[in-house]
Amino acid sequence: MADKFNPTYFYFYPGNWLSSEQVAMMTPAEEGAYMRLLCWDFMQGGIPDDDSALSIMSRLGQDWF
């Protein structure tokens, strides 16, 4: 019987995150939204190509647009 792949974590490298020029240019809200979307992507195997859904998932709401 094959086990279903169900990861509970992903690798995160704080040094890479903190030294990233792209991340440094984000506002705190954008940085948090990006991390939330990375988590959604990991847990669901992707994120939708739908601005309305992403605005909710990122918790940016109207700021997404």
N, C-alpha and C. Protein backbone atom coordinates (compact mmCIF):
# COMPACT_ATOMS: atom_id res chain seq x y z
N MET A 1 0.85 -1.17 0.00
CA MET A 1 0.00 0.00 0.00
C MET A 1 0.90 1.25 0.00
N ALA A 2 0.68 2.12 -0.95
CA ALA A 2 1.49 3.33 -1.06
C ALA A 2 0.94 4.42 -0.15
N ASP A 3 1.85 5.07 0.56
CA ASP A 3 1.45 6.21 1.40
C ASP A 3 1.22 7.43 0.52
N LYS A 4 0.21 8.18 0.86
CA LYS A 4 -0.06 9.43 0.14
C LYS A 4 0.90 10.50 0.67
N PHE A 5 1.51 11.23 -0.26
CA PHE A 5 2.43 12.29 0.12
C PHE A 5 1.66 13.41 0.77
N ASN A 6 1.97 13.72 2.01
CA ASN A 6 1.28 14.77 2.74
C ASN A 6 2.31 15.53 3.58
N PRO A 7 3.07 16.43 2.93
CA PRO A 7 4.11 17.15 3.67
C PRO A 7 3.51 18.10 4.69
N THR A 8 4.21 18.28 5.79
CA THR A 8 3.75 19.18 6.83
C THR A 8 4.63 20.42 6.97
N TYR A 9 5.69 20.49 6.20
CA TYR A 9 6.58 21.64 6.28
C TYR A 9 7.29 21.86 4.95
N PHE A 10 7.82 23.05 4.78
CA PHE A 10 8.68 23.32 3.64
C PHE A 10 9.91 24.05 4.15
N TYR A 11 10.98 23.95 3.40
CA TYR A 11 12.22 24.60 3.80
C TYR A 11 12.10 26.10 3.66
N PHE A 12 12.57 26.80 4.65
CA PHE A 12 12.58 28.26 4.65
C PHE A 12 13.96 28.70 5.11
N TYR A 13 14.57 29.55 4.34
CA TYR A 13 15.92 30.01 4.65
C TYR A 13 15.87 31.48 5.04
N PRO A 14 15.88 31.78 6.34
CA PRO A 14 15.76 33.17 6.80
C PRO A 14 16.82 34.09 6.21
N GLY A 15 18.06 33.61 6.07
CA GLY A 15 19.11 34.44 5.50
C GLY A 15 18.80 34.86 4.08
N ASN A 16 18.27 33.94 3.30
CA ASN A 16 17.89 34.27 1.92
C ASN A 16 16.74 35.27 1.90
N TRP A 17 15.76 35.06 2.78
CA TRP A 17 14.60 35.95 2.85
C TRP A 17 15.05 37.36 3.22
N LEU A 18 15.84 37.46 4.28
CA LEU A 18 16.25 38.77 4.78
C LEU A 18 17.22 39.49 3.86
N SER A 19 17.97 38.74 3.06
CA SER A 19 18.93 39.38 2.16
C SER A 19 18.39 39.60 0.75
N SER A 20 17.15 39.19 0.51
CA SER A 20 16.55 39.34 -0.82
C SER A 20 16.20 40.80 -1.09
N GLU A 21 16.72 41.33 -2.18
CA GLU A 21 16.41 42.70 -2.57
C GLU A 21 14.92 42.84 -2.91
N GLN A 22 14.34 41.80 -3.54
CA GLN A 22 12.92 41.84 -3.90
C GLN A 22 12.04 41.91 -2.64
N VAL A 23 12.38 41.12 -1.63
CA VAL A 23 11.61 41.14 -0.39
C VAL A 23 11.81 42.47 0.33
N ALA A 24 13.03 42.99 0.32
CA ALA A 24 13.31 44.26 1.00
C ALA A 24 12.51 45.41 0.40
N MET A 25 12.15 45.32 -0.86
CA MET A 25 11.39 46.38 -1.52
C MET A 25 9.89 46.28 -1.25
N MET A 26 9.43 45.20 -0.61
CA MET A 26 8.02 45.02 -0.31
C MET A 26 7.63 45.82 0.93
N THR A 27 6.37 46.23 0.97
CA THR A 27 5.83 46.80 2.21
C THR A 27 5.62 45.64 3.18
N PRO A 28 5.47 45.93 4.47
CA PRO A 28 5.18 44.84 5.41
C PRO A 28 3.92 44.05 5.02
N ALA A 29 2.89 44.74 4.52
CA ALA A 29 1.66 44.05 4.10
C ALA A 29 1.93 43.13 2.92
N GLU A 30 2.72 43.60 1.95
CA GLU A 30 3.04 42.78 0.79
C GLU A 30 3.88 41.56 1.19
N GLU A 31 4.81 41.77 2.10
CA GLU A 31 5.66 40.67 2.57
C GLU A 31 4.82 39.60 3.26
N GLY A 32 3.92 40.01 4.13
CA GLY A 32 3.04 39.06 4.80
C GLY A 32 2.13 38.34 3.82
N ALA A 33 1.60 39.07 2.84
CA ALA A 33 0.72 38.47 1.83
C ALA A 33 1.49 37.45 1.01
N TYR A 34 2.73 37.79 0.65
CA TYR A 34 3.55 36.87 -0.13
C TYR A 34 3.80 35.58 0.64
N MET A 35 4.11 35.69 1.93
CA MET A 35 4.33 34.50 2.76
C MET A 35 3.06 33.67 2.86
N ARG A 36 1.91 34.34 3.04
CA ARG A 36 0.64 33.60 3.10
C ARG A 36 0.39 32.84 1.80
N LEU A 37 0.66 33.49 0.65
CA LEU A 37 0.44 32.82 -0.63
C LEU A 37 1.42 31.68 -0.84
N LEU A 38 2.66 31.81 -0.34
CA LEU A 38 3.60 30.68 -0.40
C LEU A 38 3.06 29.50 0.40
N CYS A 39 2.48 29.79 1.55
CA CYS A 39 1.90 28.71 2.37
C CYS A 39 0.70 28.06 1.69
N TRP A 40 -0.19 28.89 1.12
CA TRP A 40 -1.33 28.34 0.38
C TRP A 40 -0.85 27.48 -0.79
N ASP A 41 0.15 27.97 -1.51
CA ASP A 41 0.69 27.24 -2.65
C ASP A 41 1.22 25.88 -2.20
N PHE A 42 1.94 25.86 -1.10
CA PHE A 42 2.50 24.62 -0.59
C PHE A 42 1.40 23.65 -0.17
N MET A 43 0.42 24.14 0.57
CA MET A 43 -0.63 23.26 1.10
C MET A 43 -1.58 22.74 0.02
N GLN A 44 -1.81 23.54 -1.02
CA GLN A 44 -2.78 23.14 -2.04
C GLN A 44 -2.15 22.71 -3.35
N GLY A 45 -0.84 22.82 -3.44
CA GLY A 45 -0.17 22.44 -4.69
C GLY A 45 -0.37 23.46 -5.79
N GLY A 46 -0.63 24.70 -5.41
CA GLY A 46 -0.82 25.77 -6.38
C GLY A 46 -1.77 26.81 -5.81
N ILE A 47 -1.83 27.95 -6.50
CA ILE A 47 -2.78 28.99 -6.13
C ILE A 47 -3.59 29.36 -7.38
N PRO A 48 -4.80 29.83 -7.18
CA PRO A 48 -5.65 30.12 -8.34
C PRO A 48 -5.17 31.34 -9.12
N ASP A 49 -5.49 31.34 -10.39
CA ASP A 49 -5.22 32.50 -11.25
C ASP A 49 -6.49 33.36 -11.25
N ASP A 50 -6.80 33.90 -10.08
CA ASP A 50 -8.06 34.63 -9.87
C ASP A 50 -7.78 35.74 -8.86
N ASP A 51 -7.80 36.97 -9.33
CA ASP A 51 -7.48 38.10 -8.46
C ASP A 51 -8.39 38.19 -7.25
N SER A 52 -9.66 37.90 -7.41
CA SER A 52 -10.59 37.97 -6.28
C SER A 52 -10.22 36.96 -5.20
N ALA A 53 -9.92 35.73 -5.62
CA ALA A 53 -9.53 34.70 -4.66
C ALA A 53 -8.20 35.05 -4.00
N LEU A 54 -7.25 35.55 -4.77
CA LEU A 54 -5.94 35.89 -4.22
C LEU A 54 -6.03 37.07 -3.26
N SER A 55 -6.93 38.00 -3.52
CA SER A 55 -7.09 39.13 -2.60
C SER A 55 -7.58 38.66 -1.24
N ILE A 56 -8.41 37.63 -1.24
CA ILE A 56 -8.91 37.06 0.01
C ILE A 56 -7.84 36.20 0.67
N MET A 57 -7.22 35.32 -0.10
CA MET A 57 -6.21 34.42 0.44
C MET A 57 -5.02 35.18 1.01
N SER A 58 -4.65 36.29 0.40
CA SER A 58 -3.51 37.07 0.85
C SER A 58 -3.85 38.00 2.01
N ARG A 59 -5.14 38.19 2.24
CA ARG A 59 -5.68 39.12 3.24
C ARG A 59 -5.39 40.58 2.89
N LEU A 60 -5.09 40.85 1.63
CA LEU A 60 -4.88 42.22 1.21
C LEU A 60 -6.19 42.90 0.83
N GLY A 61 -7.23 42.12 0.54
CA GLY A 61 -8.51 42.69 0.17
C GLY A 61 -8.39 43.63 -1.01
N GLN A 62 -8.97 44.81 -0.88
CA GLN A 62 -8.95 45.79 -1.96
C GLN A 62 -7.54 46.27 -2.30
N ASP A 63 -6.60 46.16 -1.37
CA ASP A 63 -5.22 46.56 -1.64
C ASP A 63 -4.55 45.64 -2.66
N TRP A 64 -5.14 44.47 -2.90
CA TRP A 64 -4.59 43.56 -3.92
C TRP A 64 -4.63 44.24 -5.28
N PHE A 65 -5.67 45.00 -5.52
CA PHE A 65 -5.88 45.62 -6.81
C PHE A 65 -5.15 46.94 -6.88
